[in-house]
Amino acid sequence: MKNNKKPIIIGVAVLVALIAIFAVVFFVNKPQTSKGGKNITIEVTGSNGETADYELSTDAEFLKQAMDELAADNEQFSYSGTDSEYGMMVEYVNDERALYAEDGAYWALYVNGEYGQYGVDSQPVTDGDTYTWTYEKAQ
């Protein structure tokens, strides 16, 4: 009878070890955030190619929080979108709509000139960074 329990105990031990390894890998690779005063720039390039720059001093950890602050303090800036299981999909910036399903356009996020790797609600905010929303059409 003892021999039958041995594989189960080994299996549970291996499972616990794998969960621990995955947890460590996740916490090491998750996006880093920083707290405290950060000075950032949010740029918006519309379909006409014109760019508007907004300077912001914020304590936000993620870009959506910083954009909420900017929208509340500056009536020139606005944005909205829809929430999904993957996070918020930005559809309007400064009252200009980009809805891929209807017109093949979307708001692309760039961080310091590089294509963003995270969505608006999971993009960490770092002091000195520039976040650019660019109206783009699919080719």
Protein backbone atom coordinates (compact mmCIF):
# COMPACT_ATOMS: atom_id res chain seq x y z
CA MET A 1 0.00 0.00 0.00
CA LYS A 2 2.86 2.39 0.74
CA ASN A 3 4.23 1.91 -2.79
CA ASN A 4 1.01 3.29 -4.34
CA LYS A 5 1.25 6.59 -2.45
CA LYS A 6 4.86 7.24 -3.41
CA PRO A 7 4.14 8.33 -7.05
CA ILE A 8 1.35 10.63 -5.85
CA ILE A 9 3.62 12.31 -3.30
CA ILE A 10 6.36 12.73 -5.93
CA GLY A 11 3.83 14.15 -8.41
CA VAL A 12 2.54 16.68 -5.88
CA ALA A 13 6.12 17.71 -5.00
CA VAL A 14 6.96 18.22 -8.70
CA LEU A 15 3.76 20.25 -9.20
CA VAL A 16 4.55 22.50 -6.22
CA ALA A 17 8.11 23.00 -7.53
CA LEU A 18 6.82 23.94 -11.01
CA ILE A 19 4.34 26.44 -9.58
CA ALA A 20 7.13 28.04 -7.53
CA ILE A 21 9.38 28.28 -10.61
CA PHE A 22 6.61 29.87 -12.72
CA ALA A 23 5.84 32.37 -9.93
CA VAL A 24 9.50 33.41 -9.72
CA VAL A 25 9.74 33.80 -13.52
CA PHE A 26 6.57 35.92 -13.57
CA PHE A 27 7.70 38.28 -10.80
CA VAL A 28 11.15 38.70 -12.34
CA ASN A 29 9.74 39.52 -15.82
CA LYS A 30 6.66 41.60 -14.98
CA PRO A 31 6.71 45.29 -16.01
CA GLN A 32 8.43 47.43 -13.42
CA THR A 33 6.69 50.46 -11.99
CA SER A 34 8.04 53.22 -9.84
CA LYS A 35 6.27 55.43 -7.34
CA GLY A 36 6.90 59.10 -6.76
CA GLY A 37 6.95 62.24 -8.86
CA LYS A 38 7.55 61.56 -12.54
CA ASN A 39 7.71 64.04 -15.37
CA ILE A 40 6.44 62.53 -18.60
CA THR A 41 5.27 63.67 -22.02
CA ILE A 42 2.17 62.39 -23.77
CA GLU A 43 2.11 63.11 -27.50
CA VAL A 44 -0.85 62.68 -29.83
CA THR A 45 -0.39 62.47 -33.61
CA GLY A 46 -3.74 62.58 -35.37
CA SER A 47 -4.76 61.39 -38.82
CA ASN A 48 -3.77 64.77 -40.27
CA GLY A 49 -0.17 64.29 -39.05
CA GLU A 50 -0.33 67.13 -36.54
CA THR A 51 1.16 66.44 -33.12
CA ALA A 52 0.11 67.85 -29.77
CA ASP A 53 2.45 67.53 -26.77
CA TYR A 54 1.32 67.42 -23.15
CA GLU A 55 3.78 67.67 -20.25
CA LEU A 56 2.64 66.01 -17.05
CA SER A 57 4.01 65.59 -13.55
CA THR A 58 2.41 62.50 -12.02
CA ASP A 59 2.60 59.82 -9.35
CA ALA A 60 0.76 57.35 -11.60
CA GLU A 61 2.13 53.85 -11.85
CA PHE A 62 0.44 53.06 -15.18
CA LEU A 63 -0.24 55.16 -18.28
CA LYS A 64 -4.04 55.02 -17.99
CA GLN A 65 -3.83 56.67 -14.57
CA ALA A 66 -1.58 59.41 -15.96
CA MET A 67 -3.93 59.95 -18.90
CA ASP A 68 -6.89 60.19 -16.52
CA GLU A 69 -5.03 62.93 -14.60
CA LEU A 70 -4.17 64.77 -17.82
CA ALA A 71 -7.77 64.60 -19.09
CA ALA A 72 -9.03 65.97 -15.77
CA ASP A 73 -6.53 68.86 -15.74
CA ASN A 74 -6.34 69.78 -19.44
CA GLU A 75 -9.49 70.21 -21.49
CA GLN A 76 -7.43 69.99 -24.70
CA PHE A 77 -6.74 66.28 -24.04
CA SER A 78 -9.33 63.52 -23.99
CA TYR A 79 -9.49 59.80 -24.59
CA SER A 80 -11.89 56.92 -24.25
CA GLY A 81 -12.27 53.31 -25.23
CA THR A 82 -13.79 50.00 -24.34
CA ASP A 83 -12.69 47.47 -21.76
CA SER A 84 -12.10 43.88 -22.74
CA GLU A 85 -10.56 40.80 -21.22
CA TYR A 86 -7.19 42.08 -22.54
CA GLY A 87 -7.53 45.56 -21.03
CA MET A 88 -8.72 48.86 -22.41
CA MET A 89 -8.80 49.37 -26.18
CA VAL A 90 -8.33 53.10 -26.85
CA GLU A 91 -10.78 54.22 -29.55
CA TYR A 92 -10.85 58.01 -29.21
CA VAL A 93 -8.00 60.42 -28.54
CA ASN A 94 -8.70 64.15 -28.59
CA ASP A 95 -12.15 63.41 -30.05
CA GLU A 96 -10.69 61.58 -33.07
CA ARG A 97 -12.02 58.07 -33.55
CA ALA A 98 -9.96 55.11 -34.72
CA LEU A 99 -11.94 51.87 -34.77
CA TYR A 100 -10.20 49.04 -36.58
CA ALA A 101 -13.35 46.99 -37.14
CA GLU A 102 -15.00 49.83 -39.05
CA ASP A 103 -12.25 51.78 -40.81
CA GLY A 104 -9.02 49.78 -40.36
CA ALA A 105 -7.56 52.50 -38.15
CA TYR A 106 -6.23 52.21 -34.61
CA TRP A 107 -4.36 54.22 -32.01
CA ALA A 108 -0.82 52.86 -31.79
CA LEU A 109 1.14 53.44 -28.58
CA TYR A 110 4.86 54.20 -28.76
CA VAL A 111 7.13 54.50 -25.74
CA ASN A 112 10.21 56.62 -26.39
CA GLY A 113 9.80 55.98 -30.12
CA GLU A 114 9.52 52.18 -29.78
CA TYR A 115 6.26 50.34 -30.41
CA GLY A 116 4.56 49.74 -27.05
CA GLN A 117 4.62 46.26 -25.57
CA TYR A 118 1.76 46.80 -23.12
CA GLY A 119 -1.74 48.20 -23.17
CA VAL A 120 -2.72 51.58 -21.74
CA ASP A 121 -3.75 50.08 -18.40
CA SER A 122 -0.60 47.96 -17.96
CA GLN A 123 2.07 50.27 -19.44
CA PRO A 124 4.34 51.37 -16.55
CA VAL A 125 5.05 55.10 -16.25
CA THR A 126 8.73 56.01 -15.87
CA ASP A 127 10.21 59.43 -15.22
CA GLY A 128 11.37 61.16 -18.38
CA ASP A 129 9.55 58.88 -20.82
CA THR A 130 7.50 60.01 -23.81
CA TYR A 131 4.29 58.13 -24.62
CA THR A 132 3.01 58.75 -28.14
CA TRP A 133 -0.46 57.91 -29.44
CA THR A 134 -0.40 57.78 -33.22
CA TYR A 135 -3.40 57.36 -35.51
CA GLU A 136 -2.49 54.53 -37.91
CA LYS A 137 -4.32 52.73 -40.66
CA ALA A 138 -3.74 49.07 -41.51
CA GLN A 139 -2.05 48.51 -44.85
